[in-house]
Amino acid sequence: MTTLATPNAYRESAVLSAPPELLVVMLYDGARRFLFQAGVAMRDGQIELTNRKLRRAEDILQHLRDVLDMEQGEIAANLESIYVFCLRQLRQARFEKNPAAVEHVSALLGRLRESFAAIAGQ
């Protein structure tokens, strides 16, 4: 009996075999996808969906912050400052119902994503 690979199995395999730099790129992509969805939901007045999507993006940012190796010096400290700033901005965006602030965070993460993609050779 032949078993077809599901999209989730393919994604799991890609994640498990990816180098750390590419994993960071994947996390940025996921966070930006959730931020886009949150912005759309916010504009549509869908408060529950907005909060759920923002929470997913915030969880990714918090994970990125938690796994920083602070012994690596200035780069890690700068990334931590950026993640803290982004988390603060998203909390404020939620409070003010401000999709432009969500888009600002997404753009910032997009620039970081490009840097990590360059490092990962993507």
PDB file of N, CA and C in Angstrom:
ATOM      1  N   MET A   1       0.838  -1.169   0.000  1.00  0.00           N
ATOM      2  CA  MET A   1       0.000   0.000   0.000  1.00  0.00           C
ATOM      3  C   MET A   1       0.888   1.240   0.000  1.00  0.00           C
ATOM      4  N   THR A   2       0.647   2.147  -0.927  1.00  0.00           N
ATOM      5  CA  THR A   2       1.430   3.361  -1.059  1.00  0.00           C
ATOM      6  C   THR A   2       0.720   4.500  -0.343  1.00  0.00           C
ATOM      7  N   THR A   3       1.477   5.238   0.452  1.00  0.00           N
ATOM      8  CA  THR A   3       0.920   6.374   1.168  1.00  0.00           C
ATOM      9  C   THR A   3       1.408   7.653   0.496  1.00  0.00           C
ATOM     10  N   LEU A   4       0.474   8.516   0.149  1.00  0.00           N
ATOM     11  CA  LEU A   4       0.839   9.796  -0.437  1.00  0.00           C
ATOM     12  C   LEU A   4       1.232  10.767   0.664  1.00  0.00           C
ATOM     13  N   ALA A   5       2.242  11.548   0.403  1.00  0.00           N
ATOM     14  CA  ALA A   5       2.687  12.544   1.373  1.00  0.00           C
ATOM     15  C   ALA A   5       1.677  13.691   1.408  1.00  0.00           C
ATOM     16  N   THR A   6       1.319  14.097   2.591  1.00  0.00           N
ATOM     17  CA  THR A   6       0.409  15.226   2.743  1.00  0.00           C
ATOM     18  C   THR A   6       1.214  16.518   2.750  1.00  0.00           C
ATOM     19  N   PRO A   7       0.552  17.654   2.475  1.00  0.00           N
ATOM     20  CA  PRO A   7       1.285  18.925   2.555  1.00  0.00           C
ATOM     21  C   PRO A   7       1.920  19.139   3.930  1.00  0.00           C
ATOM     22  N   ASN A   8       1.243  18.712   4.989  1.00  0.00           N
ATOM     23  CA  ASN A   8       1.810  18.870   6.329  1.00  0.00           C
ATOM     24  C   ASN A   8       3.059  18.015   6.509  1.00  0.00           C
ATOM     25  N   ALA A   9       3.054  16.808   5.967  1.00  0.00           N
ATOM     26  CA  ALA A   9       4.231  15.939   6.071  1.00  0.00           C
ATOM     27  C   ALA A   9       5.397  16.556   5.307  1.00  0.00           C
ATOM     28  N   TYR A  10       5.106  17.117   4.140  1.00  0.00           N
ATOM     29  CA  TYR A  10       6.151  17.779   3.360  1.00  0.00           C
ATOM     30  C   TYR A  10       6.714  18.964   4.138  1.00  0.00           C
ATOM     31  N   ARG A  11       5.834  19.765   4.736  1.00  0.00           N
ATOM     32  CA  ARG A  11       6.263  20.936   5.500  1.00  0.00           C
ATOM     33  C   ARG A  11       7.106  20.503   6.698  1.00  0.00           C
ATOM     34  N   GLU A  12       6.666  19.461   7.399  1.00  0.00           N
ATOM     35  CA  GLU A  12       7.434  18.964   8.547  1.00  0.00           C
ATOM     36  C   GLU A  12       8.824  18.523   8.115  1.00  0.00           C
ATOM     37  N   SER A  13       8.904  17.819   6.994  1.00  0.00           N
ATOM     38  CA  SER A  13      10.191  17.356   6.493  1.00  0.00           C
ATOM     39  C   SER A  13      11.095  18.545   6.147  1.00  0.00           C
ATOM     40  N   ALA A  14      10.513  19.570   5.519  1.00  0.00           N
ATOM     41  CA  ALA A  14      11.287  20.761   5.156  1.00  0.00           C
ATOM     42  C   ALA A  14      11.820  21.455   6.404  1.00  0.00           C
ATOM     43  N   VAL A  15      11.002  21.542   7.428  1.00  0.00           N
ATOM     44  CA  VAL A  15      11.410  22.208   8.667  1.00  0.00           C
ATOM     45  C   VAL A  15      12.496  21.404   9.375  1.00  0.00           C
ATOM     46  N   LEU A  16      12.303  20.098   9.449  1.00  0.00           N
ATOM     47  CA  LEU A  16      13.259  19.263  10.167  1.00  0.00           C
ATOM     48  C   LEU A  16      14.629  19.218   9.499  1.00  0.00           C
ATOM     49  N   SER A  17      14.667  19.414   8.178  1.00  0.00           N
ATOM     50  CA  SER A  17      15.947  19.323   7.474  1.00  0.00           C
ATOM     51  C   SER A  17      16.557  20.691   7.151  1.00  0.00           C
ATOM     52  N   ALA A  18      15.895  21.766   7.521  1.00  0.00           N
ATOM     53  CA  ALA A  18      16.370  23.111   7.172  1.00  0.00           C
ATOM     54  C   ALA A  18      17.483  23.567   8.105  1.00  0.00           C
ATOM     55  N   PRO A  19      18.455  24.317   7.553  1.00  0.00           N
ATOM     56  CA  PRO A  19      19.491  24.916   8.409  1.00  0.00           C
ATOM     57  C   PRO A  19      18.868  26.031   9.259  1.00  0.00           C
ATOM     58  N   PRO A  20      19.494  26.391  10.377  1.00  0.00           N
ATOM     59  CA  PRO A  20      18.922  27.387  11.287  1.00  0.00           C
ATOM     60  C   PRO A  20      18.566  28.718  10.615  1.00  0.00           C
ATOM     61  N   GLU A  21      19.409  29.182   9.693  1.00  0.00           N
ATOM     62  CA  GLU A  21      19.133  30.465   9.046  1.00  0.00           C
ATOM     63  C   GLU A  21      17.829  30.407   8.250  1.00  0.00           C
ATOM     64  N   LEU A  22      17.594  29.269   7.592  1.00  0.00           N
ATOM     65  CA  LEU A  22      16.379  29.106   6.805  1.00  0.00           C
ATOM     66  C   LEU A  22      15.157  28.969   7.713  1.00  0.00           C
ATOM     67  N   LEU A  23      15.338  28.357   8.878  1.00  0.00           N
ATOM     68  CA  LEU A  23      14.231  28.276   9.836  1.00  0.00           C
ATOM     69  C   LEU A  23      13.786  29.673  10.268  1.00  0.00           C
ATOM     70  N   VAL A  24      14.746  30.563  10.462  1.00  0.00           N
ATOM     71  CA  VAL A  24      14.414  31.937  10.833  1.00  0.00           C
ATOM     72  C   VAL A  24      13.634  32.604   9.701  1.00  0.00           C
ATOM     73  N   VAL A  25      14.043  32.373   8.466  1.00  0.00           N
ATOM     74  CA  VAL A  25      13.320  32.914   7.311  1.00  0.00           C
ATOM     75  C   VAL A  25      11.878  32.390   7.314  1.00  0.00           C
ATOM     76  N   MET A  26      11.716  31.101   7.572  1.00  0.00           N
ATOM     77  CA  MET A  26      10.375  30.504   7.611  1.00  0.00           C
ATOM     78  C   MET A  26       9.528  31.133   8.719  1.00  0.00           C
ATOM     79  N   LEU A  27      10.148  31.388   9.859  1.00  0.00           N
ATOM     80  CA  LEU A  27       9.413  32.020  10.962  1.00  0.00           C
ATOM     81  C   LEU A  27       8.990  33.439  10.597  1.00  0.00           C
ATOM     82  N   TYR A  28       9.884  34.186   9.969  1.00  0.00           N
ATOM     83  CA  TYR A  28       9.508  35.532   9.512  1.00  0.00           C
ATOM     84  C   TYR A  28       8.356  35.460   8.511  1.00  0.00           C
ATOM     85  N   ASP A  29       8.427  34.511   7.593  1.00  0.00           N
ATOM     86  CA  ASP A  29       7.344  34.359   6.612  1.00  0.00           C
ATOM     87  C   ASP A  29       6.014  34.069   7.309  1.00  0.00           C
ATOM     88  N   GLY A  30       6.060  33.188   8.296  1.00  0.00           N
ATOM     89  CA  GLY A  30       4.837  32.866   9.033  1.00  0.00           C
ATOM     90  C   GLY A  30       4.291  34.067   9.786  1.00  0.00           C
ATOM     91  N   ALA A  31       5.165  34.785  10.454  1.00  0.00           N
ATOM     92  CA  ALA A  31       4.733  35.967  11.207  1.00  0.00           C
ATOM     93  C   ALA A  31       4.111  37.000  10.270  1.00  0.00           C
ATOM     94  N   ARG A  32       4.746  37.202   9.121  1.00  0.00           N
ATOM     95  CA  ARG A  32       4.223  38.189   8.165  1.00  0.00           C
ATOM     96  C   ARG A  32       2.883  37.747   7.585  1.00  0.00           C
ATOM     97  N   ARG A  33       2.714  36.451   7.364  1.00  0.00           N
ATOM     98  CA  ARG A  33       1.424  35.940   6.880  1.00  0.00           C
ATOM     99  C   ARG A  33       0.336  36.224   7.913  1.00  0.00           C
ATOM    100  N   PHE A  34       0.630  35.952   9.187  1.00  0.00           N
ATOM    101  CA  PHE A  34      -0.356  36.219  10.244  1.00  0.00           C
ATOM    102  C   PHE A  34      -0.627  37.713  10.385  1.00  0.00           C
ATOM    103  N   LEU A  35       0.389  38.534  10.221  1.00  0.00           N
ATOM    104  CA  LEU A  35       0.193  39.984  10.312  1.00  0.00           C
ATOM    105  C   LEU A  35      -0.667  40.495   9.163  1.00  0.00           C
ATOM    106  N   PHE A  36      -0.452  39.962   7.975  1.00  0.00           N
ATOM    107  CA  PHE A  36      -1.304  40.344   6.846  1.00  0.00           C
ATOM    108  C   PHE A  36      -2.759  39.986   7.147  1.00  0.00           C
ATOM    109  N   GLN A  37      -2.971  38.755   7.620  1.00  0.00           N
ATOM    110  CA  GLN A  37      -4.328  38.310   7.942  1.00  0.00           C
ATOM    111  C   GLN A  37      -4.934  39.161   9.059  1.00  0.00           C
ATOM    112  N   ALA A  38      -4.127  39.532  10.039  1.00  0.00           N
ATOM    113  CA  ALA A  38      -4.612  40.382  11.136  1.00  0.00           C
ATOM    114  C   ALA A  38      -5.012  41.751  10.613  1.00  0.00           C
ATOM    115  N   GLY A  39      -4.209  42.312   9.726  1.00  0.00           N
ATOM    116  CA  GLY A  39      -4.531  43.619   9.160  1.00  0.00           C
ATOM    117  C   GLY A  39      -5.840  43.610   8.394  1.00  0.00           C
ATOM    118  N   VAL A  40      -6.050  42.565   7.596  1.00  0.00           N
ATOM    119  CA  VAL A  40      -7.308  42.435   6.846  1.00  0.00           C
ATOM    120  C   VAL A  40      -8.479  42.296   7.815  1.00  0.00           C
ATOM    121  N   ALA A  41      -8.327  41.439   8.807  1.00  0.00           N
ATOM    122  CA  ALA A  41      -9.395  41.229   9.789  1.00  0.00           C
ATOM    123  C   ALA A  41      -9.679  42.514  10.571  1.00  0.00           C
ATOM    124  N   MET A  42      -8.619  43.253  10.907  1.00  0.00           N
ATOM    125  CA  MET A  42      -8.785  44.501  11.639  1.00  0.00           C
ATOM    126  C   MET A  42      -9.587  45.503  10.814  1.00  0.00           C
ATOM    127  N   ARG A  43      -9.250  45.609   9.538  1.00  0.00           N
ATOM    128  CA  ARG A  43      -9.978  46.529   8.648  1.00  0.00           C
ATOM    129  C   ARG A  43     -11.444  46.127   8.511  1.00  0.00           C
ATOM    130  N   ASP A  44     -11.706  44.817   8.575  1.00  0.00           N
ATOM    131  CA  ASP A  44     -13.070  44.307   8.447  1.00  0.00           C
ATOM    132  C   ASP A  44     -13.836  44.313   9.768  1.00  0.00           C
ATOM    133  N   GLY A  45     -13.171  44.756  10.834  1.00  0.00           N
ATOM    134  CA  GLY A  45     -13.827  44.809  12.140  1.00  0.00           C
ATOM    135  C   GLY A  45     -14.015  43.455  12.807  1.00  0.00           C
ATOM    136  N   GLN A  46     -13.245  42.469  12.378  1.00  0.00           N
ATOM    137  CA  GLN A  46     -13.335  41.125  12.953  1.00  0.00           C
ATOM    138  C   GLN A  46     -12.373  41.025  14.138  1.00  0.00           C
ATOM    139  N   ILE A  47     -12.834  41.432  15.283  1.00  0.00           N
ATOM    140  CA  ILE A  47     -11.980  41.567  16.460  1.00  0.00           C
ATOM    141  C   ILE A  47     -11.391  40.230  16.901  1.00  0.00           C
ATOM    142  N   GLU A  48     -12.223  39.201  16.968  1.00  0.00           N
ATOM    143  CA  GLU A  48     -11.727  37.902  17.438  1.00  0.00           C
ATOM    144  C   GLU A  48     -10.666  37.342  16.492  1.00  0.00           C
ATOM    145  N   LEU A  49     -10.928  37.411  15.191  1.00  0.00           N
ATOM    146  CA  LEU A  49      -9.959  36.918  14.209  1.00  0.00           C
ATOM    147  C   LEU A  49      -8.685  37.757  14.255  1.00  0.00           C
ATOM    148  N   THR A  50      -8.836  39.071  14.378  1.00  0.00           N
ATOM    149  CA  THR A  50      -7.673  39.959  14.499  1.00  0.00           C
ATOM    150  C   THR A  50      -6.804  39.530  15.663  1.00  0.00           C
ATOM    151  N   ASN A  51      -7.418  39.352  16.818  1.00  0.00           N
ATOM    152  CA  ASN A  51      -6.654  38.980  18.006  1.00  0.00           C
ATOM    153  C   ASN A  51      -5.977  37.629  17.853  1.00  0.00           C
ATOM    154  N   ARG A  52      -6.670  36.682  17.227  1.00  0.00           N
ATOM    155  CA  ARG A  52      -6.089  35.352  17.039  1.00  0.00           C
ATOM    156  C   ARG A  52      -4.871  35.414  16.117  1.00  0.00           C
ATOM    157  N   LYS A  53      -4.963  36.166  15.032  1.00  0.00           N
ATOM    158  CA  LYS A  53      -3.845  36.273  14.094  1.00  0.00           C
ATOM    159  C   LYS A  53      -2.690  37.073  14.694  1.00  0.00           C
ATOM    160  N   LEU A  54      -3.016  38.144  15.415  1.00  0.00           N
ATOM    161  CA  LEU A  54      -1.951  38.901  16.095  1.00  0.00           C
ATOM    162  C   LEU A  54      -1.238  38.028  17.118  1.00  0.00           C
ATOM    163  N   ARG A  55      -1.997  37.230  17.856  1.00  0.00           N
ATOM    164  CA  ARG A  55      -1.399  36.349  18.871  1.00  0.00           C
ATOM    165  C   ARG A  55      -0.431  35.374  18.213  1.00  0.00           C
ATOM    166  N   ARG A  56      -0.783  34.835  17.051  1.00  0.00           N
ATOM    167  CA  ARG A  56       0.109  33.891  16.367  1.00  0.00           C
ATOM    168  C   ARG A  56       1.414  34.582  15.969  1.00  0.00           C
ATOM    169  N   ALA A  57       1.299  35.793  15.424  1.00  0.00           N
ATOM    170  CA  ALA A  57       2.502  36.546  15.048  1.00  0.00           C
ATOM    171  C   ALA A  57       3.331  36.882  16.285  1.00  0.00           C
ATOM    172  N   GLU A  58       2.660  37.288  17.354  1.00  0.00           N
ATOM    173  CA  GLU A  58       3.369  37.618  18.599  1.00  0.00           C
ATOM    174  C   GLU A  58       4.068  36.394  19.171  1.00  0.00           C
ATOM    175  N   ASP A  59       3.442  35.233  19.062  1.00  0.00           N
ATOM    176  CA  ASP A  59       4.075  33.993  19.536  1.00  0.00           C
ATOM    177  C   ASP A  59       5.363  33.709  18.765  1.00  0.00           C
ATOM    178  N   ILE A  60       5.339  33.942  17.459  1.00  0.00           N
ATOM    179  CA  ILE A  60       6.542  33.731  16.651  1.00  0.00           C
ATOM    180  C   ILE A  60       7.632  34.716  17.069  1.00  0.00           C
ATOM    181  N   LEU A  61       7.259  35.984  17.226  1.00  0.00           N
ATOM    182  CA  LEU A  61       8.244  36.987  17.663  1.00  0.00           C
ATOM    183  C   LEU A  61       8.827  36.636  19.032  1.00  0.00           C
ATOM    184  N   GLN A  62       7.968  36.200  19.941  1.00  0.00           N
ATOM    185  CA  GLN A  62       8.459  35.837  21.269  1.00  0.00           C
ATOM    186  C   GLN A  62       9.404  34.639  21.181  1.00  0.00           C
ATOM    187  N   HIS A  63       9.072  33.677  20.315  1.00  0.00           N
ATOM    188  CA  HIS A  63       9.961  32.522  20.133  1.00  0.00           C
ATOM    189  C   HIS A  63      11.315  32.970  19.582  1.00  0.00           C
ATOM    190  N   LEU A  64      11.280  33.835  18.566  1.00  0.00           N
ATOM    191  CA  LEU A  64      12.541  34.344  18.011  1.00  0.00           C
ATOM    192  C   LEU A  64      13.362  35.035  19.095  1.00  0.00           C
ATOM    193  N   ARG A  65      12.692  35.769  19.936  1.00  0.00           N
ATOM    194  CA  ARG A  65      13.391  36.451  21.038  1.00  0.00           C
ATOM    195  C   ARG A  65      13.956  35.439  22.035  1.00  0.00           C
ATOM    196  N   ASP A  66      13.161  34.430  22.365  1.00  0.00           N
ATOM    197  CA  ASP A  66      13.570  33.440  23.366  1.00  0.00           C
ATOM    198  C   ASP A  66      14.784  32.615  22.937  1.00  0.00           C
ATOM    199  N   VAL A  67      14.943  32.394  21.626  1.00  0.00           N
ATOM    200  CA  VAL A  67      16.035  31.533  21.174  1.00  0.00           C
ATOM    201  C   VAL A  67      17.304  32.301  20.816  1.00  0.00           C
ATOM    202  N   LEU A  68      17.282  33.613  20.988  1.00  0.00           N
ATOM    203  CA  LEU A  68      18.498  34.392  20.720  1.00  0.00           C
ATOM    204  C   LEU A  68      19.631  33.935  21.636  1.00  0.00           C
ATOM    205  N   ASP A  69      20.802  33.795  21.072  1.00  0.00           N
ATOM    206  CA  ASP A  69      21.996  33.473  21.853  1.00  0.00           C
ATOM    207  C   ASP A  69      22.665  34.800  22.201  1.00  0.00           C
ATOM    208  N   MET A  70      22.372  35.294  23.392  1.00  0.00           N
ATOM    209  CA  MET A  70      22.849  36.614  23.795  1.00  0.00           C
ATOM    210  C   MET A  70      24.367  36.667  23.942  1.00  0.00           C
ATOM    211  N   GLU A  71      25.006  35.509  23.959  1.00  0.00           N
ATOM    212  CA  GLU A  71      26.470  35.489  24.012  1.00  0.00           C
ATOM    213  C   GLU A  71      27.086  35.870  22.670  1.00  0.00           C
ATOM    214  N   GLN A  72      26.260  36.007  21.640  1.00  0.00           N
ATOM    215  CA  GLN A  72      26.759  36.386  20.310  1.00  0.00           C
ATOM    216  C   GLN A  72      26.980  37.886  20.183  1.00  0.00           C
ATOM    217  N   GLY A  73      26.629  38.636  21.231  1.00  0.00           N
ATOM    218  CA  GLY A  73      26.979  40.050  21.262  1.00  0.00           C
ATOM    219  C   GLY A  73      25.952  41.002  20.694  1.00  0.00           C
ATOM    220  N   GLU A  74      26.472  41.997  19.997  1.00  0.00           N
ATOM    221  CA  GLU A  74      25.678  43.143  19.563  1.00  0.00           C
ATOM    222  C   GLU A  74      24.527  42.763  18.628  1.00  0.00           C
ATOM    223  N   ILE A  75      24.754  41.829  17.727  1.00  0.00           N
ATOM    224  CA  ILE A  75      23.698  41.455  16.783  1.00  0.00           C
ATOM    225  C   ILE A  75      22.511  40.873  17.534  1.00  0.00           C
ATOM    226  N   ALA A  76      22.768  39.979  18.460  1.00  0.00           N
ATOM    227  CA  ALA A  76      21.673  39.382  19.237  1.00  0.00           C
ATOM    228  C   ALA A  76      20.952  40.448  20.068  1.00  0.00           C
ATOM    229  N   ALA A  77      21.698  41.352  20.659  1.00  0.00           N
ATOM    230  CA  ALA A  77      21.090  42.426  21.454  1.00  0.00           C
ATOM    231  C   ALA A  77      20.238  43.330  20.575  1.00  0.00           C
ATOM    232  N   ASN A  78      20.714  43.626  19.368  1.00  0.00           N
ATOM    233  CA  ASN A  78      19.939  44.459  18.451  1.00  0.00           C
ATOM    234  C   ASN A  78      18.668  43.750  18.002  1.00  0.00           C
ATOM    235  N   LEU A  79      18.774  42.463  17.706  1.00  0.00           N
ATOM    236  CA  LEU A  79      17.580  41.699  17.323  1.00  0.00           C
ATOM    237  C   LEU A  79      16.572  41.661  18.459  1.00  0.00           C
ATOM    238  N   GLU A  80      17.068  41.481  19.684  1.00  0.00           N
ATOM    239  CA  GLU A  80      16.148  41.476  20.822  1.00  0.00           C
ATOM    240  C   GLU A  80      15.413  42.812  20.925  1.00  0.00           C
ATOM    241  N   SER A  81      16.119  43.908  20.745  1.00  0.00           N
ATOM    242  CA  SER A  81      15.483  45.235  20.786  1.00  0.00           C
ATOM    243  C   SER A  81      14.420  45.368  19.703  1.00  0.00           C
ATOM    244  N   ILE A  82      14.711  44.864  18.521  1.00  0.00           N
ATOM    245  CA  ILE A  82      13.737  44.921  17.425  1.00  0.00           C
ATOM    246  C   ILE A  82      12.508  44.085  17.763  1.00  0.00           C
ATOM    247  N   TYR A  83      12.712  42.885  18.294  1.00  0.00           N
ATOM    248  CA  TYR A  83      11.572  42.024  18.634  1.00  0.00           C
ATOM    249  C   TYR A  83      10.721  42.657  19.732  1.00  0.00           C
ATOM    250  N   VAL A  84      11.355  43.242  20.736  1.00  0.00           N
ATOM    251  CA  VAL A  84      10.617  43.920  21.806  1.00  0.00           C
ATOM    252  C   VAL A  84       9.815  45.090  21.226  1.00  0.00           C
ATOM    253  N   PHE A  85      10.449  45.858  20.341  1.00  0.00           N
ATOM    254  CA  PHE A  85       9.764  46.971  19.693  1.00  0.00           C
ATOM    255  C   PHE A  85       8.548  46.468  18.911  1.00  0.00           C
ATOM    256  N   CYS A  86       8.727  45.411  18.138  1.00  0.00           N
ATOM    257  CA  CYS A  86       7.628  44.859  17.338  1.00  0.00           C
ATOM    258  C   CYS A  86       6.476  44.383  18.227  1.00  0.00           C
ATOM    259  N   LEU A  87       6.801  43.688  19.294  1.00  0.00           N
ATOM    260  CA  LEU A  87       5.763  43.213  20.207  1.00  0.00           C
ATOM    261  C   LEU A  87       5.001  44.384  20.820  1.00  0.00           C
ATOM    262  N   ARG A  88       5.724  45.412  21.187  1.00  0.00           N
ATOM    263  CA  ARG A  88       5.092  46.606  21.764  1.00  0.00           C
ATOM    264  C   ARG A  88       4.177  47.280  20.726  1.00  0.00           C
ATOM    265  N   GLN A  89       4.667  47.380  19.496  1.00  0.00           N
ATOM    266  CA  GLN A  89       3.881  47.991  18.425  1.00  0.00           C
ATOM    267  C   GLN A  89       2.602  47.204  18.156  1.00  0.00           C
ATOM    268  N   LEU A  90       2.696  45.881  18.185  1.00  0.00           N
ATOM    269  CA  LEU A  90       1.511  45.061  17.933  1.00  0.00           C
ATOM    270  C   LEU A  90       0.481  45.190  19.055  1.00  0.00           C
ATOM    271  N   ARG A  91       0.955  45.279  20.285  1.00  0.00           N
ATOM    272  CA  ARG A  91       0.019  45.502  21.404  1.00  0.00           C
ATOM    273  C   ARG A  91      -0.702  46.837  21.243  1.00  0.00           C
ATOM    274  N   GLN A  92       0.064  47.852  20.868  1.00  0.00           N
ATOM    275  CA  GLN A  92      -0.514  49.182  20.661  1.00  0.00           C
ATOM    276  C   GLN A  92      -1.480  49.170  19.477  1.00  0.00           C
ATOM    277  N   ALA A  93      -1.119  48.483  18.409  1.00  0.00           N
ATOM    278  CA  ALA A  93      -1.985  48.385  17.229  1.00  0.00           C
ATOM    279  C   ALA A  93      -3.304  47.722  17.584  1.00  0.00           C
ATOM    280  N   ARG A  94      -3.237  46.686  18.401  1.00  0.00           N
ATOM    281  CA  ARG A  94      -4.458  45.994  18.841  1.00  0.00           C
ATOM    282  C   ARG A  94      -5.333  46.955  19.636  1.00  0.00           C
ATOM    283  N   PHE A  95      -4.728  47.675  20.557  1.00  0.00           N
ATOM    284  CA  PHE A  95      -5.461  48.615  21.419  1.00  0.00           C
ATOM    285  C   PHE A  95      -6.105  49.728  20.595  1.00  0.00           C
ATOM    286  N   GLU A  96      -5.354  50.264  19.636  1.00  0.00           N
ATOM    287  CA  GLU A  96      -5.836  51.397  18.833  1.00  0.00           C
ATOM    288  C   GLU A  96      -6.591  50.967  17.578  1.00  0.00           C
ATOM    289  N   LYS A  97      -6.627  49.624  17.335  1.00  0.00           N
ATOM    290  CA  LYS A  97      -7.233  49.102  16.100  1.00  0.00           C
ATOM    291  C   LYS A  97      -6.625  49.794  14.873  1.00  0.00           C
ATOM    292  N   ASN A  98      -5.294  49.728  14.811  1.00  0.00           N
ATOM    293  CA  ASN A  98      -4.527  50.456  13.809  1.00  0.00           C
ATOM    294  C   ASN A  98      -3.810  49.483  12.862  1.00  0.00           C
ATOM    295  N   PRO A  99      -4.437  49.156  11.711  1.00  0.00           N
ATOM    296  CA  PRO A  99      -3.795  48.218  10.790  1.00  0.00           C
ATOM    297  C   PRO A  99      -2.497  48.758  10.196  1.00  0.00           C
ATOM    298  N   ALA A 100      -2.340  50.072  10.115  1.00  0.00           N
ATOM    299  CA  ALA A 100      -1.088  50.633   9.581  1.00  0.00           C
ATOM    300  C   ALA A 100       0.090  50.260  10.469  1.00  0.00           C
ATOM    301  N   ALA A 101      -0.102  50.212  11.767  1.00  0.00           N
ATOM    302  CA  ALA A 101       0.976  49.813  12.678  1.00  0.00           C
ATOM    303  C   ALA A 101       1.331  48.340  12.486  1.00  0.00           C
ATOM    304  N   VAL A 102       0.324  47.515  12.210  1.00  0.00           N
ATOM    305  CA  VAL A 102       0.566  46.093  11.925  1.00  0.00           C
ATOM    306  C   VAL A 102       1.398  45.971  10.652  1.00  0.00           C
ATOM    307  N   GLU A 103       1.055  46.751   9.635  1.00  0.00           N
ATOM    308  CA  GLU A 103       1.793  46.723   8.375  1.00  0.00           C
ATOM    309  C   GLU A 103       3.228  47.222   8.554  1.00  0.00           C
ATOM    310  N   HIS A 104       3.427  48.187   9.446  1.00  0.00           N
ATOM    311  CA  HIS A 104       4.769  48.688   9.725  1.00  0.00           C
ATOM    312  C   HIS A 104       5.646  47.579  10.311  1.00  0.00           C
ATOM    313  N   VAL A 105       5.087  46.835  11.257  1.00  0.00           N
ATOM    314  CA  VAL A 105       5.830  45.718  11.854  1.00  0.00           C
ATOM    315  C   VAL A 105       6.135  44.669  10.781  1.00  0.00           C
ATOM    316  N   SER A 106       5.166  44.382   9.937  1.00  0.00           N
ATOM    317  CA  SER A 106       5.374  43.401   8.877  1.00  0.00           C
ATOM    318  C   SER A 106       6.498  43.843   7.937  1.00  0.00           C
ATOM    319  N   ALA A 107       6.521  45.123   7.596  1.00  0.00           N
ATOM    320  CA  ALA A 107       7.584  45.637   6.716  1.00  0.00           C
ATOM    321  C   ALA A 107       8.955  45.507   7.382  1.00  0.00           C
ATOM    322  N   LEU A 108       9.024  45.797   8.663  1.00  0.00           N
ATOM    323  CA  LEU A 108      10.281  45.658   9.403  1.00  0.00           C
ATOM    324  C   LEU A 108      10.737  44.197   9.400  1.00  0.00           C
ATOM    325  N   LEU A 109       9.805  43.291   9.655  1.00  0.00           N
ATOM    326  CA  LEU A 109      10.153  41.867   9.634  1.00  0.00           C
ATOM    327  C   LEU A 109      10.553  41.428   8.222  1.00  0.00           C
ATOM    328  N   GLY A 110       9.960  42.052   7.219  1.00  0.00           N
ATOM    329  CA  GLY A 110      10.333  41.736   5.839  1.00  0.00           C
ATOM    330  C   GLY A 110      11.782  42.081   5.555  1.00  0.00           C
ATOM    331  N   ARG A 111      12.237  43.203   6.096  1.00  0.00           N
ATOM    332  CA  ARG A 111      13.651  43.574   5.906  1.00  0.00           C
ATOM    333  C   ARG A 111      14.572  42.589   6.630  1.00  0.00           C
ATOM    334  N   LEU A 112      14.178  42.193   7.839  1.00  0.00           N
ATOM    335  CA  LEU A 112      14.976  41.192   8.558  1.00  0.00           C
ATOM    336  C   LEU A 112      14.976  39.868   7.803  1.00  0.00           C
ATOM    337  N   ARG A 113      13.815  39.508   7.269  1.00  0.00           N
ATOM    338  CA  ARG A 113      13.692  38.259   6.521  1.00  0.00           C
ATOM    339  C   ARG A 113      14.666  38.248   5.341  1.00  0.00           C
ATOM    340  N   GLU A 114      14.728  39.359   4.624  1.00  0.00           N
ATOM    341  CA  GLU A 114      15.633  39.443   3.479  1.00  0.00           C
ATOM    342  C   GLU A 114      17.086  39.272   3.889  1.00  0.00           C
ATOM    343  N   SER A 115      17.448  39.833   5.031  1.00  0.00           N
ATOM    344  CA  SER A 115      18.812  39.683   5.538  1.00  0.00           C
ATOM    345  C   SER A 115      19.120  38.230   5.851  1.00  0.00           C
ATOM    346  N   PHE A 116      18.206  37.563   6.541  1.00  0.00           N
ATOM    347  CA  PHE A 116      18.434  36.166   6.874  1.00  0.00           C
ATOM    348  C   PHE A 116      18.391  35.288   5.638  1.00  0.00           C
ATOM    349  N   ALA A 117      17.547  35.631   4.661  1.00  0.00           N
ATOM    350  CA  ALA A 117      17.498  34.864   3.416  1.00  0.00           C
ATOM    351  C   ALA A 117      18.833  34.970   2.679  1.00  0.00           C
ATOM    352  N   ALA A 118      19.445  36.152   2.706  1.00  0.00           N
ATOM    353  CA  ALA A 118      20.749  36.333   2.074  1.00  0.00           C
ATOM    354  C   ALA A 118      21.796  35.462   2.769  1.00  0.00           C
ATOM    355  N   ILE A 119      21.738  35.421   4.096  1.00  0.00           N
ATOM    356  CA  ILE A 119      22.670  34.594   4.859  1.00  0.00           C
ATOM    357  C   ILE A 119      22.466  33.117   4.533  1.00  0.00           C
ATOM    358  N   ALA A 120      21.190  32.732   4.402  1.00  0.00           N
ATOM    359  CA  ALA A 120      20.865  31.329   4.134  1.00  0.00           C
ATOM    360  C   ALA A 120      21.073  30.970   2.666  1.00  0.00           C
ATOM    361  N   GLY A 121      21.392  31.956   1.830  1.00  0.00           N
ATOM    362  CA  GLY A 121      21.617  31.692   0.415  1.00  0.00           C
ATOM    363  C   GLY A 121      20.334  31.470  -0.369  1.00  0.00           C
ATOM    364  N   GLN A 122      19.265  32.072   0.098  1.00  0.00           N
ATOM    365  CA  GLN A 122      17.956  31.904  -0.566  1.00  0.00           C
ATOM    366  C   GLN A 122      17.706  33.026  -1.536  1.00  0.00           C
TER     367      GLN A 122
END
